[in-house]
PDB file of N, CA and C in Angstrom:
ATOM      1  N   MET A   1     -12.206-159.866   5.804  1.00  0.00           N
ATOM      2  CA  MET A   1     -13.561-160.354   6.044  1.00  0.00           C
ATOM      3  C   MET A   1     -13.658-161.755   5.439  1.00  0.00           C
ATOM      4  N   SER A   2     -14.213-162.682   6.159  1.00  0.00           N
ATOM      5  CA  SER A   2     -14.336-164.042   5.677  1.00  0.00           C
ATOM      6  C   SER A   2     -15.512-164.157   4.722  1.00  0.00           C
ATOM      7  N   PRO A   3     -15.521-165.167   3.847  1.00  0.00           N
ATOM      8  CA  PRO A   3     -16.646-165.342   2.924  1.00  0.00           C
ATOM      9  C   PRO A   3     -17.982-165.464   3.651  1.00  0.00           C
ATOM     10  N   LYS A   4     -17.964-166.011   4.858  1.00  0.00           N
ATOM     11  CA  LYS A   4     -19.193-166.187   5.623  1.00  0.00           C
ATOM     12  C   LYS A   4     -19.807-164.841   6.012  1.00  0.00           C
ATOM     13  N   SER A   5     -18.970-163.828   6.166  1.00  0.00           N
ATOM     14  CA  SER A   5     -19.473-162.532   6.591  1.00  0.00           C
ATOM     15  C   SER A   5     -19.733-161.590   5.416  1.00  0.00           C
ATOM     16  N   PHE A   6     -19.555-162.046   4.185  1.00  0.00           N
ATOM     17  CA  PHE A   6     -19.830-161.228   3.014  1.00  0.00           C
ATOM     18  C   PHE A   6     -21.300-160.821   3.012  1.00  0.00           C
ATOM     19  N   LEU A   7     -21.552-159.555   2.705  1.00  0.00           N
ATOM     20  CA  LEU A   7     -22.923-159.050   2.678  1.00  0.00           C
ATOM     21  C   LEU A   7     -23.413-158.867   1.248  1.00  0.00           C
ATOM     22  N   GLY A   8     -24.588-159.390   0.980  1.00  0.00           N
ATOM     23  CA  GLY A   8     -25.233-159.136  -0.292  1.00  0.00           C
ATOM     24  C   GLY A   8     -25.907-157.771  -0.267  1.00  0.00           C
ATOM     25  N   GLU A   9     -26.343-157.324  -1.431  1.00  0.00           N
ATOM     26  CA  GLU A   9     -26.963-156.000  -1.541  1.00  0.00           C
ATOM     27  C   GLU A   9     -28.176-155.856  -0.631  1.00  0.00           C
ATOM     28  N   PHE A  10     -29.077-156.825  -0.642  1.00  0.00           N
ATOM     29  CA  PHE A  10     -30.278-156.715   0.173  1.00  0.00           C
ATOM     30  C   PHE A  10     -29.958-156.798   1.661  1.00  0.00           C
ATOM     31  N   GLU A  11     -28.973-157.621   2.021  1.00  0.00           N
ATOM     32  CA  GLU A  11     -28.549-157.676   3.421  1.00  0.00           C
ATOM     33  C   GLU A  11     -28.051-156.309   3.880  1.00  0.00           C
ATOM     34  N   GLN A  12     -27.281-155.641   3.038  1.00  0.00           N
ATOM     35  CA  GLN A  12     -26.804-154.304   3.374  1.00  0.00           C
ATOM     36  C   GLN A  12     -27.976-153.348   3.560  1.00  0.00           C
ATOM     37  N   MET A  13     -28.966-153.424   2.667  1.00  0.00           N
ATOM     38  CA  MET A  13     -30.133-152.549   2.778  1.00  0.00           C
ATOM     39  C   MET A  13     -30.876-152.778   4.087  1.00  0.00           C
ATOM     40  N   VAL A  14     -31.035-154.032   4.470  1.00  0.00           N
ATOM     41  CA  VAL A  14     -31.739-154.346   5.717  1.00  0.00           C
ATOM     42  C   VAL A  14     -30.968-153.785   6.916  1.00  0.00           C
ATOM     43  N   LEU A  15     -29.661-154.000   6.950  1.00  0.00           N
ATOM     44  CA  LEU A  15     -28.862-153.476   8.059  1.00  0.00           C
ATOM     45  C   LEU A  15     -28.915-151.951   8.117  1.00  0.00           C
ATOM     46  N   LEU A  16     -28.800-151.308   6.978  1.00  0.00           N
ATOM     47  CA  LEU A  16     -28.848-149.843   6.941  1.00  0.00           C
ATOM     48  C   LEU A  16     -30.217-149.315   7.365  1.00  0.00           C
ATOM     49  N   ALA A  17     -31.271-149.996   6.944  1.00  0.00           N
ATOM     50  CA  ALA A  17     -32.628-149.579   7.327  1.00  0.00           C
ATOM     51  C   ALA A  17     -32.850-149.739   8.829  1.00  0.00           C
ATOM     52  N   ILE A  18     -32.306-150.795   9.416  1.00  0.00           N
ATOM     53  CA  ILE A  18     -32.404-150.981  10.870  1.00  0.00           C
ATOM     54  C   ILE A  18     -31.693-149.825  11.568  1.00  0.00           C
ATOM     55  N   LEU A  19     -30.506-149.486  11.091  1.00  0.00           N
ATOM     56  CA  LEU A  19     -29.765-148.367  11.690  1.00  0.00           C
ATOM     57  C   LEU A  19     -30.536-147.060  11.541  1.00  0.00           C
ATOM     58  N   GLN A  20     -31.155-146.842  10.398  1.00  0.00           N
ATOM     59  CA  GLN A  20     -31.934-145.624  10.171  1.00  0.00           C
ATOM     60  C   GLN A  20     -33.112-145.532  11.136  1.00  0.00           C
ATOM     61  N   GLN A  21     -33.760-146.645  11.406  1.00  0.00           N
ATOM     62  CA  GLN A  21     -34.960-146.654  12.235  1.00  0.00           C
ATOM     63  C   GLN A  21     -34.665-146.575  13.732  1.00  0.00           C
ATOM     64  N   LYS A  22     -33.435-146.850  14.125  1.00  0.00           N
ATOM     65  CA  LYS A  22     -33.025-146.772  15.532  1.00  0.00           C
ATOM     66  C   LYS A  22     -33.988-147.546  16.443  1.00  0.00           C
ATOM     67  N   ASP A  23     -34.622-146.880  17.403  1.00  0.00           N
ATOM     68  CA  ASP A  23     -35.513-147.554  18.355  1.00  0.00           C
ATOM     69  C   ASP A  23     -36.844-147.978  17.734  1.00  0.00           C
ATOM     70  N   ARG A  24     -37.106-147.579  16.504  1.00  0.00           N
ATOM     71  CA  ARG A  24     -38.342-147.955  15.804  1.00  0.00           C
ATOM     72  C   ARG A  24     -38.072-149.062  14.784  1.00  0.00           C
ATOM     73  N   ALA A  25     -36.999-149.817  14.988  1.00  0.00           N
ATOM     74  CA  ALA A  25     -36.589-150.837  14.024  1.00  0.00           C
ATOM     75  C   ALA A  25     -37.401-152.126  14.168  1.00  0.00           C
ATOM     76  N   PHE A  26     -38.714-151.993  14.036  1.00  0.00           N
ATOM     77  CA  PHE A  26     -39.604-153.145  13.971  1.00  0.00           C
ATOM     78  C   PHE A  26     -39.708-153.564  12.505  1.00  0.00           C
ATOM     79  N   ALA A  27     -40.084-154.795  12.250  1.00  0.00           N
ATOM     80  CA  ALA A  27     -40.078-155.329  10.891  1.00  0.00           C
ATOM     81  C   ALA A  27     -40.814-154.424   9.901  1.00  0.00           C
ATOM     82  N   LEU A  28     -42.018-154.030  10.221  1.00  0.00           N
ATOM     83  CA  LEU A  28     -42.799-153.221   9.287  1.00  0.00           C
ATOM     84  C   LEU A  28     -42.109-151.892   8.983  1.00  0.00           C
ATOM     85  N   GLU A  29     -41.572-151.253  10.003  1.00  0.00           N
ATOM     86  CA  GLU A  29     -40.898-149.969   9.802  1.00  0.00           C
ATOM     87  C   GLU A  29     -39.615-150.130   8.993  1.00  0.00           C
ATOM     88  N   VAL A  30     -38.900-151.213   9.223  1.00  0.00           N
ATOM     89  CA  VAL A  30     -37.671-151.465   8.468  1.00  0.00           C
ATOM     90  C   VAL A  30     -38.006-151.717   6.997  1.00  0.00           C
ATOM     91  N   ARG A  31     -39.023-152.520   6.746  1.00  0.00           N
ATOM     92  CA  ARG A  31     -39.448-152.761   5.355  1.00  0.00           C
ATOM     93  C   ARG A  31     -39.873-151.466   4.683  1.00  0.00           C
ATOM     94  N   ARG A  32     -40.619-150.636   5.387  1.00  0.00           N
ATOM     95  CA  ARG A  32     -41.053-149.348   4.817  1.00  0.00           C
ATOM     96  C   ARG A  32     -39.861-148.445   4.520  1.00  0.00           C
ATOM     97  N   GLU A  33     -38.854-148.474   5.381  1.00  0.00           N
ATOM     98  CA  GLU A  33     -37.641-147.675   5.164  1.00  0.00           C
ATOM     99  C   GLU A  33     -36.961-148.087   3.861  1.00  0.00           C
ATOM    100  N   ILE A  34     -36.834-149.383   3.650  1.00  0.00           N
ATOM    101  CA  ILE A  34     -36.205-149.873   2.425  1.00  0.00           C
ATOM    102  C   ILE A  34     -37.038-149.474   1.214  1.00  0.00           C
ATOM    103  N   GLU A  35     -38.329-149.704   1.300  1.00  0.00           N
ATOM    104  CA  GLU A  35     -39.203-149.379   0.170  1.00  0.00           C
ATOM    105  C   GLU A  35     -39.169-147.893  -0.156  1.00  0.00           C
ATOM    106  N   GLY A  36     -39.178-147.046   0.863  1.00  0.00           N
ATOM    107  CA  GLY A  36     -39.181-145.608   0.634  1.00  0.00           C
ATOM    108  C   GLY A  36     -37.834-145.059   0.215  1.00  0.00           C
ATOM    109  N   SER A  37     -36.785-145.453   0.892  1.00  0.00           N
ATOM    110  CA  SER A  37     -35.462-144.898   0.616  1.00  0.00           C
ATOM    111  C   SER A  37     -34.806-145.500  -0.624  1.00  0.00           C
ATOM    112  N   ALA A  38     -35.007-146.787  -0.838  1.00  0.00           N
ATOM    113  CA  ALA A  38     -34.373-147.458  -1.976  1.00  0.00           C
ATOM    114  C   ALA A  38     -35.321-147.609  -3.163  1.00  0.00           C
ATOM    115  N   ASP A  39     -36.576-147.179  -2.967  1.00  0.00           N
ATOM    116  CA  ASP A  39     -37.583-147.299  -4.030  1.00  0.00           C
ATOM    117  C   ASP A  39     -37.628-148.734  -4.562  1.00  0.00           C
ATOM    118  N   ARG A  40     -37.749-149.658  -3.621  1.00  0.00           N
ATOM    119  CA  ARG A  40     -37.701-151.083  -3.949  1.00  0.00           C
ATOM    120  C   ARG A  40     -38.798-151.816  -3.189  1.00  0.00           C
ATOM    121  N   ALA A  41     -39.575-152.610  -3.883  1.00  0.00           N
ATOM    122  CA  ALA A  41     -40.599-153.427  -3.235  1.00  0.00           C
ATOM    123  C   ALA A  41     -39.904-154.524  -2.426  1.00  0.00           C
ATOM    124  N   VAL A  42     -40.413-154.786  -1.237  1.00  0.00           N
ATOM    125  CA  VAL A  42     -39.808-155.778  -0.347  1.00  0.00           C
ATOM    126  C   VAL A  42     -40.857-156.823   0.014  1.00  0.00           C
ATOM    127  N   SER A  43     -40.660-158.038  -0.467  1.00  0.00           N
ATOM    128  CA  SER A  43     -41.610-159.093  -0.124  1.00  0.00           C
ATOM    129  C   SER A  43     -41.359-159.544   1.313  1.00  0.00           C
ATOM    130  N   ARG A  44     -42.427-159.901   1.964  1.00  0.00           N
ATOM    131  CA  ARG A  44     -42.347-160.348   3.360  1.00  0.00           C
ATOM    132  C   ARG A  44     -41.428-161.559   3.491  1.00  0.00           C
ATOM    133  N   GLY A  45     -41.561-162.512   2.586  1.00  0.00           N
ATOM    134  CA  GLY A  45     -40.754-163.729   2.638  1.00  0.00           C
ATOM    135  C   GLY A  45     -39.266-163.458   2.508  1.00  0.00           C
ATOM    136  N   ALA A  46     -38.893-162.663   1.516  1.00  0.00           N
ATOM    137  CA  ALA A  46     -37.479-162.335   1.314  1.00  0.00           C
ATOM    138  C   ALA A  46     -36.929-161.568   2.504  1.00  0.00           C
ATOM    139  N   PHE A  47     -37.741-160.676   3.059  1.00  0.00           N
ATOM    140  CA  PHE A  47     -37.306-159.865   4.191  1.00  0.00           C
ATOM    141  C   PHE A  47     -37.016-160.736   5.414  1.00  0.00           C
ATOM    142  N   TYR A  48     -37.954-161.617   5.775  1.00  0.00           N
ATOM    143  CA  TYR A  48     -37.755-162.453   6.964  1.00  0.00           C
ATOM    144  C   TYR A  48     -36.660-163.493   6.761  1.00  0.00           C
ATOM    145  N   THR A  49     -36.504-163.994   5.546  1.00  0.00           N
ATOM    146  CA  THR A  49     -35.408-164.916   5.252  1.00  0.00           C
ATOM    147  C   THR A  49     -34.069-164.212   5.453  1.00  0.00           C
ATOM    148  N   THR A  50     -33.998-162.969   5.005  1.00  0.00           N
ATOM    149  CA  THR A  50     -32.769-162.187   5.157  1.00  0.00           C
ATOM    150  C   THR A  50     -32.497-161.880   6.628  1.00  0.00           C
ATOM    151  N   LEU A  51     -33.529-161.507   7.384  1.00  0.00           N
ATOM    152  CA  LEU A  51     -33.345-161.269   8.824  1.00  0.00           C
ATOM    153  C   LEU A  51     -32.816-162.521   9.524  1.00  0.00           C
ATOM    154  N   ASP A  52     -33.384-163.679   9.188  1.00  0.00           N
ATOM    155  CA  ASP A  52     -32.927-164.943   9.793  1.00  0.00           C
ATOM    156  C   ASP A  52     -31.459-165.197   9.456  1.00  0.00           C
ATOM    157  N   ARG A  53     -31.091-164.979   8.198  1.00  0.00           N
ATOM    158  CA  ARG A  53     -29.716-165.197   7.772  1.00  0.00           C
ATOM    159  C   ARG A  53     -28.768-164.237   8.501  1.00  0.00           C
ATOM    160  N   LEU A  54     -29.167-162.966   8.617  1.00  0.00           N
ATOM    161  CA  LEU A  54     -28.340-161.987   9.316  1.00  0.00           C
ATOM    162  C   LEU A  54     -28.191-162.337  10.799  1.00  0.00           C
ATOM    163  N   GLU A  55     -29.248-162.858  11.389  1.00  0.00           N
ATOM    164  CA  GLU A  55     -29.178-163.269  12.785  1.00  0.00           C
ATOM    165  C   GLU A  55     -28.227-164.455  12.947  1.00  0.00           C
ATOM    166  N   LYS A  56     -28.281-165.421  12.039  1.00  0.00           N
ATOM    167  CA  LYS A  56     -27.387-166.579  12.105  1.00  0.00           C
ATOM    168  C   LYS A  56     -25.933-166.176  11.934  1.00  0.00           C
ATOM    169  N   LYS A  57     -25.682-165.145  11.128  1.00  0.00           N
ATOM    170  CA  LYS A  57     -24.322-164.636  10.945  1.00  0.00           C
ATOM    171  C   LYS A  57     -23.860-163.798  12.141  1.00  0.00           C
ATOM    172  N   GLY A  58     -24.785-163.473  13.036  1.00  0.00           N
ATOM    173  CA  GLY A  58     -24.444-162.660  14.198  1.00  0.00           C
ATOM    174  C   GLY A  58     -24.438-161.169  13.906  1.00  0.00           C
ATOM    175  N   PHE A  59     -25.097-160.744  12.845  1.00  0.00           N
ATOM    176  CA  PHE A  59     -25.103-159.340  12.435  1.00  0.00           C
ATOM    177  C   PHE A  59     -26.318-158.574  12.943  1.00  0.00           C
ATOM    178  N   VAL A  60     -27.348-159.309  13.376  1.00  0.00           N
ATOM    179  CA  VAL A  60     -28.584-158.695  13.866  1.00  0.00           C
ATOM    180  C   VAL A  60     -29.003-159.435  15.124  1.00  0.00           C
ATOM    181  N   GLU A  61     -29.545-158.676  16.057  1.00  0.00           N
ATOM    182  CA  GLU A  61     -30.176-159.278  17.237  1.00  0.00           C
ATOM    183  C   GLU A  61     -31.510-158.574  17.428  1.00  0.00           C
ATOM    184  N   TRP A  62     -32.344-159.165  18.255  1.00  0.00           N
ATOM    185  CA  TRP A  62     -33.644-158.535  18.491  1.00  0.00           C
ATOM    186  C   TRP A  62     -34.038-158.701  19.946  1.00  0.00           C
ATOM    187  N   GLU A  63     -34.953-157.837  20.342  1.00  0.00           N
ATOM    188  CA  GLU A  63     -35.536-157.925  21.674  1.00  0.00           C
ATOM    189  C   GLU A  63     -37.032-157.739  21.541  1.00  0.00           C
ATOM    190  N   GLU A  64     -37.745-158.298  22.487  1.00  0.00           N
ATOM    191  CA  GLU A  64     -39.196-158.140  22.490  1.00  0.00           C
ATOM    192  C   GLU A  64     -39.531-156.756  23.031  1.00  0.00           C
ATOM    193  N   ALA A  65     -40.471-156.098  22.373  1.00  0.00           N
ATOM    194  CA  ALA A  65     -40.874-154.750  22.798  1.00  0.00           C
ATOM    195  C   ALA A  65     -42.391-154.663  22.735  1.00  0.00           C
ATOM    196  N   GLU A  66     -42.958-153.923  23.641  1.00  0.00           N
ATOM    197  CA  GLU A  66     -44.399-153.729  23.656  1.00  0.00           C
ATOM    198  C   GLU A  66     -44.821-152.860  22.481  1.00  0.00           C
ATOM    199  N   ALA A  67     -45.924-153.225  21.877  1.00  0.00           N
ATOM    200  CA  ALA A  67     -46.466-152.444  20.768  1.00  0.00           C
ATOM    201  C   ALA A  67     -46.981-151.113  21.305  1.00  0.00           C
ATOM    202  N   ASP A  68     -46.557-150.040  20.662  1.00  0.00           N
ATOM    203  CA  ASP A  68     -47.055-148.729  21.070  1.00  0.00           C
ATOM    204  C   ASP A  68     -48.022-148.167  20.030  1.00  0.00           C
ATOM    205  N   VAL A  69     -48.422-149.045  19.130  1.00  0.00           N
ATOM    206  CA  VAL A  69     -49.351-148.658  18.070  1.00  0.00           C
ATOM    207  C   VAL A  69     -50.694-149.313  18.346  1.00  0.00           C
ATOM    208  N   THR A  70     -51.736-148.533  18.325  1.00  0.00           N
ATOM    209  CA  THR A  70     -53.072-149.071  18.545  1.00  0.00           C
ATOM    210  C   THR A  70     -53.379-150.116  17.482  1.00  0.00           C
ATOM    211  N   GLY A  71     -53.955-151.214  17.903  1.00  0.00           N
ATOM    212  CA  GLY A  71     -54.314-152.277  16.970  1.00  0.00           C
ATOM    213  C   GLY A  71     -53.334-153.434  16.981  1.00  0.00           C
ATOM    214  N   ARG A  72     -52.185-153.258  17.579  1.00  0.00           N
ATOM    215  CA  ARG A  72     -51.207-154.337  17.693  1.00  0.00           C
ATOM    216  C   ARG A  72     -51.270-154.840  19.124  1.00  0.00           C
ATOM    217  N   ALA A  73     -51.824-156.011  19.287  1.00  0.00           N
ATOM    218  CA  ALA A  73     -52.054-156.533  20.630  1.00  0.00           C
ATOM    219  C   ALA A  73     -50.838-157.234  21.216  1.00  0.00           C
ATOM    220  N   SER A  74     -50.026-157.838  20.368  1.00  0.00           N
ATOM    221  CA  SER A  74     -48.917-158.632  20.895  1.00  0.00           C
ATOM    222  C   SER A  74     -47.602-157.848  20.871  1.00  0.00           C
ATOM    223  N   ALA A  75     -46.626-158.398  21.568  1.00  0.00           N
ATOM    224  CA  ALA A  75     -45.292-157.800  21.588  1.00  0.00           C
ATOM    225  C   ALA A  75     -44.663-157.925  20.205  1.00  0.00           C
ATOM    226  N   LEU A  76     -43.745-157.033  19.931  1.00  0.00           N
ATOM    227  CA  LEU A  76     -43.065-157.008  18.645  1.00  0.00           C
ATOM    228  C   LEU A  76     -41.582-157.262  18.843  1.00  0.00           C
ATOM    229  N   ARG A  77     -40.900-157.619  17.755  1.00  0.00           N
ATOM    230  CA  ARG A  77     -39.452-157.756  17.800  1.00  0.00           C
ATOM    231  C   ARG A  77     -38.822-156.460  17.304  1.00  0.00           C
ATOM    232  N   ARG A  78     -37.968-155.864  18.130  1.00  0.00           N
ATOM    233  CA  ARG A  78     -37.205-154.682  17.740  1.00  0.00           C
ATOM    234  C   ARG A  78     -35.800-155.159  17.385  1.00  0.00           C
ATOM    235  N   PHE A  79     -35.370-154.822  16.189  1.00  0.00           N
ATOM    236  CA  PHE A  79     -34.092-155.291  15.684  1.00  0.00           C
ATOM    237  C   PHE A  79     -32.986-154.275  15.935  1.00  0.00           C
ATOM    238  N   ALA A  80     -31.772-154.776  16.080  1.00  0.00           N
ATOM    239  CA  ALA A  80     -30.593-153.931  16.246  1.00  0.00           C
ATOM    240  C   ALA A  80     -29.435-154.582  15.499  1.00  0.00           C
ATOM    241  N   VAL A  81     -28.563-153.763  14.963  1.00  0.00           N
ATOM    242  CA  VAL A  81     -27.362-154.244  14.287  1.00  0.00           C
ATOM    243  C   VAL A  81     -26.287-154.446  15.355  1.00  0.00           C
ATOM    244  N   THR A  82     -25.636-155.589  15.323  1.00  0.00           N
ATOM    245  CA  THR A  82     -24.575-155.904  16.287  1.00  0.00           C
ATOM    246  C   THR A  82     -23.254-155.263  15.847  1.00  0.00           C
ATOM    247  N   GLU A  83     -22.267-155.325  16.714  1.00  0.00           N
ATOM    248  CA  GLU A  83     -20.921-154.832  16.355  1.00  0.00           C
ATOM    249  C   GLU A  83     -20.381-155.586  15.140  1.00  0.00           C
ATOM    250  N   ALA A  84     -20.643-156.897  15.087  1.00  0.00           N
ATOM    251  CA  ALA A  84     -20.195-157.689  13.932  1.00  0.00           C
ATOM    252  C   ALA A  84     -20.898-157.218  12.659  1.00  0.00           C
ATOM    253  N   GLY A  85     -22.174-156.866  12.766  1.00  0.00           N
ATOM    254  CA  GLY A  85     -22.915-156.341  11.622  1.00  0.00           C
ATOM    255  C   GLY A  85     -22.359-155.009  11.158  1.00  0.00           C
ATOM    256  N   LEU A  86     -22.029-154.136  12.121  1.00  0.00           N
ATOM    257  CA  LEU A  86     -21.406-152.851  11.774  1.00  0.00           C
ATOM    258  C   LEU A  86     -20.064-153.062  11.079  1.00  0.00           C
ATOM    259  N   SER A  87     -19.282-153.991  11.574  1.00  0.00           N
ATOM    260  CA  SER A  87     -17.984-154.289  10.951  1.00  0.00           C
ATOM    261  C   SER A  87     -18.164-154.783   9.525  1.00  0.00           C
ATOM    262  N   ALA A  88     -19.143-155.658   9.319  1.00  0.00           N
ATOM    263  CA  ALA A  88     -19.407-156.173   7.975  1.00  0.00           C
ATOM    264  C   ALA A  88     -19.855-155.061   7.041  1.00  0.00           C
ATOM    265  N   LEU A  89     -20.701-154.148   7.534  1.00  0.00           N
ATOM    266  CA  LEU A  89     -21.122-153.003   6.720  1.00  0.00           C
ATOM    267  C   LEU A  89     -19.939-152.111   6.373  1.00  0.00           C
ATOM    268  N   ARG A  90     -19.092-151.860   7.340  1.00  0.00           N
ATOM    269  CA  ARG A  90     -17.908-151.024   7.092  1.00  0.00           C
ATOM    270  C   ARG A  90     -16.993-151.657   6.054  1.00  0.00           C
ATOM    271  N   GLU A  91     -16.788-152.959   6.160  1.00  0.00           N
ATOM    272  CA  GLU A  91     -15.939-153.667   5.200  1.00  0.00           C
ATOM    273  C   GLU A  91     -16.557-153.633   3.801  1.00  0.00           C
ATOM    274  N   SER A  92     -17.859-153.818   3.714  1.00  0.00           N
ATOM    275  CA  SER A  92     -18.538-153.741   2.415  1.00  0.00           C
ATOM    276  C   SER A  92     -18.395-152.352   1.810  1.00  0.00           C
ATOM    277  N   ARG A  93     -18.520-151.342   2.655  1.00  0.00           N
ATOM    278  CA  ARG A  93     -18.395-149.955   2.174  1.00  0.00           C
ATOM    279  C   ARG A  93     -16.972-149.669   1.698  1.00  0.00           C
ATOM    280  N   ARG A  94     -15.979-150.154   2.454  1.00  0.00           N
ATOM    281  CA  ARG A  94     -14.586-149.970   2.031  1.00  0.00           C
ATOM    282  C   ARG A  94     -14.346-150.615   0.667  1.00  0.00           C
ATOM    283  N   ALA A  95     -14.854-151.831   0.497  1.00  0.00           N
ATOM    284  CA  ALA A  95     -14.669-152.529  -0.780  1.00  0.00           C
ATOM    285  C   ALA A  95     -15.358-151.776  -1.920  1.00  0.00           C
ATOM    286  N   PHE A  96     -16.570-151.309  -1.679  1.00  0.00           N
ATOM    287  CA  PHE A  96     -17.307-150.559  -2.688  1.00  0.00           C
ATOM    288  C   PHE A  96     -16.563-149.279  -3.050  1.00  0.00           C
ATOM    289  N   ASP A  97     -16.113-148.543  -2.030  1.00  0.00           N
ATOM    290  CA  ASP A  97     -15.379-147.298  -2.268  1.00  0.00           C
ATOM    291  C   ASP A  97     -14.099-147.552  -3.059  1.00  0.00           C
ATOM    292  N   ALA A  98     -13.371-148.622  -2.715  1.00  0.00           N
ATOM    293  CA  ALA A  98     -12.131-148.943  -3.419  1.00  0.00           C
ATOM    294  C   ALA A  98     -12.405-149.306  -4.877  1.00  0.00           C
ATOM    295  N   LEU A  99     -13.431-150.084  -5.105  1.00  0.00           N
ATOM    296  CA  LEU A  99     -13.751-150.500  -6.468  1.00  0.00           C
ATOM    297  C   LEU A  99     -14.285-149.360  -7.326  1.00  0.00           C
ATOM    298  N   SER A 100     -14.926-148.386  -6.698  1.00  0.00           N
ATOM    299  CA  SER A 100     -15.514-147.286  -7.470  1.00  0.00           C
ATOM    300  C   SER A 100     -14.577-146.073  -7.574  1.00  0.00           C
ATOM    301  N   ARG A 101     -13.410-146.148  -6.932  1.00  0.00           N
ATOM    302  CA  ARG A 101     -12.448-145.041  -6.963  1.00  0.00           C
ATOM    303  C   ARG A 101     -12.079-144.709  -8.414  1.00  0.00           C
ATOM    304  N   GLY A 102     -12.171-143.429  -8.748  1.00  0.00           N
ATOM    305  CA  GLY A 102     -11.813-142.967 -10.086  1.00  0.00           C
ATOM    306  C   GLY A 102     -12.910-143.127 -11.122  1.00  0.00           C
ATOM    307  N   LEU A 103     -14.072-143.596 -10.717  1.00  0.00           N
ATOM    308  CA  LEU A 103     -15.159-143.854 -11.674  1.00  0.00           C
ATOM    309  C   LEU A 103     -16.301-142.853 -11.547  1.00  0.00           C
ATOM    310  N   ASP A 104     -16.063-141.725 -10.878  1.00  0.00           N
ATOM    311  CA  ASP A 104     -17.125-140.734 -10.678  1.00  0.00           C
ATOM    312  C   ASP A 104     -17.755-140.304 -11.992  1.00  0.00           C
ATOM    313  N   GLY A 105     -16.960-140.072 -12.993  1.00  0.00           N
ATOM    314  CA  GLY A 105     -17.481-139.659 -14.291  1.00  0.00           C
ATOM    315  C   GLY A 105     -18.366-140.711 -14.935  1.00  0.00           C
ATOM    316  N   VAL A 106     -18.000-141.954 -14.779  1.00  0.00           N
ATOM    317  CA  VAL A 106     -18.777-143.062 -15.358  1.00  0.00           C
ATOM    318  C   VAL A 106     -20.060-143.293 -14.554  1.00  0.00           C
ATOM    319  N   LEU A 107     -19.969-143.185 -13.239  1.00  0.00           N
ATOM    320  CA  LEU A 107     -21.097-143.523 -12.377  1.00  0.00           C
ATOM    321  C   LEU A 107     -22.051-142.359 -12.139  1.00  0.00           C
ATOM    322  N   ARG A 108     -21.659-141.151 -12.496  1.00  0.00           N
ATOM    323  CA  ARG A 108     -22.533-139.990 -12.283  1.00  0.00           C
ATOM    324  C   ARG A 108     -23.794-140.161 -13.125  1.00  0.00           C
ATOM    325  N   GLU A 109     -24.921-139.791 -12.494  1.00  0.00           N
ATOM    326  CA  GLU A 109     -26.191-139.880 -13.195  1.00  0.00           C
ATOM    327  C   GLU A 109     -26.216-138.869 -14.335  1.00  0.00           C
ATOM    328  N   GLU A 110     -26.843-139.261 -15.420  1.00  0.00           N
ATOM    329  CA  GLU A 110     -26.976-138.345 -16.556  1.00  0.00           C
ATOM    330  C   GLU A 110     -27.781-137.144 -16.135  1.00  0.00           C
ATOM    331  N   GLY A 111     -27.348-135.968 -16.557  1.00  0.00           N
ATOM    332  CA  GLY A 111     -28.056-134.746 -16.241  1.00  0.00           C
ATOM    333  C   GLY A 111     -27.701-134.181 -14.880  1.00  0.00           C
ATOM    334  N   ALA A 112     -26.832-134.877 -14.136  1.00  0.00           N
ATOM    335  CA  ALA A 112     -26.464-134.381 -12.792  1.00  0.00           C
ATOM    336  C   ALA A 112     -25.286-133.456 -12.869  1.00  0.00           C
TER     337      ALA A 112
END
């Protein structure tokens, strides 16, 4: 993996949240997924900056979709992870798994 395709922690969270949301991967739903699953507050600015960066890297694409929620008058952007994004996630996971190999005892939560 080239340095340009290296994924930061928040980039990984955004990509994973998009994958979790599938056809409901609109910005608000993706942010809620991160906040709920990772128990992490997500600022709008940081989120959109990260989406832009992921799009420039070729890891995310979007399409316009009609709002199916009452109160949203305009079209929305539905996000999807590209094949390049999936490859980057897989490479990040391989690196994480390799680095954490043999550390289960150290990394296990206390009381678990």
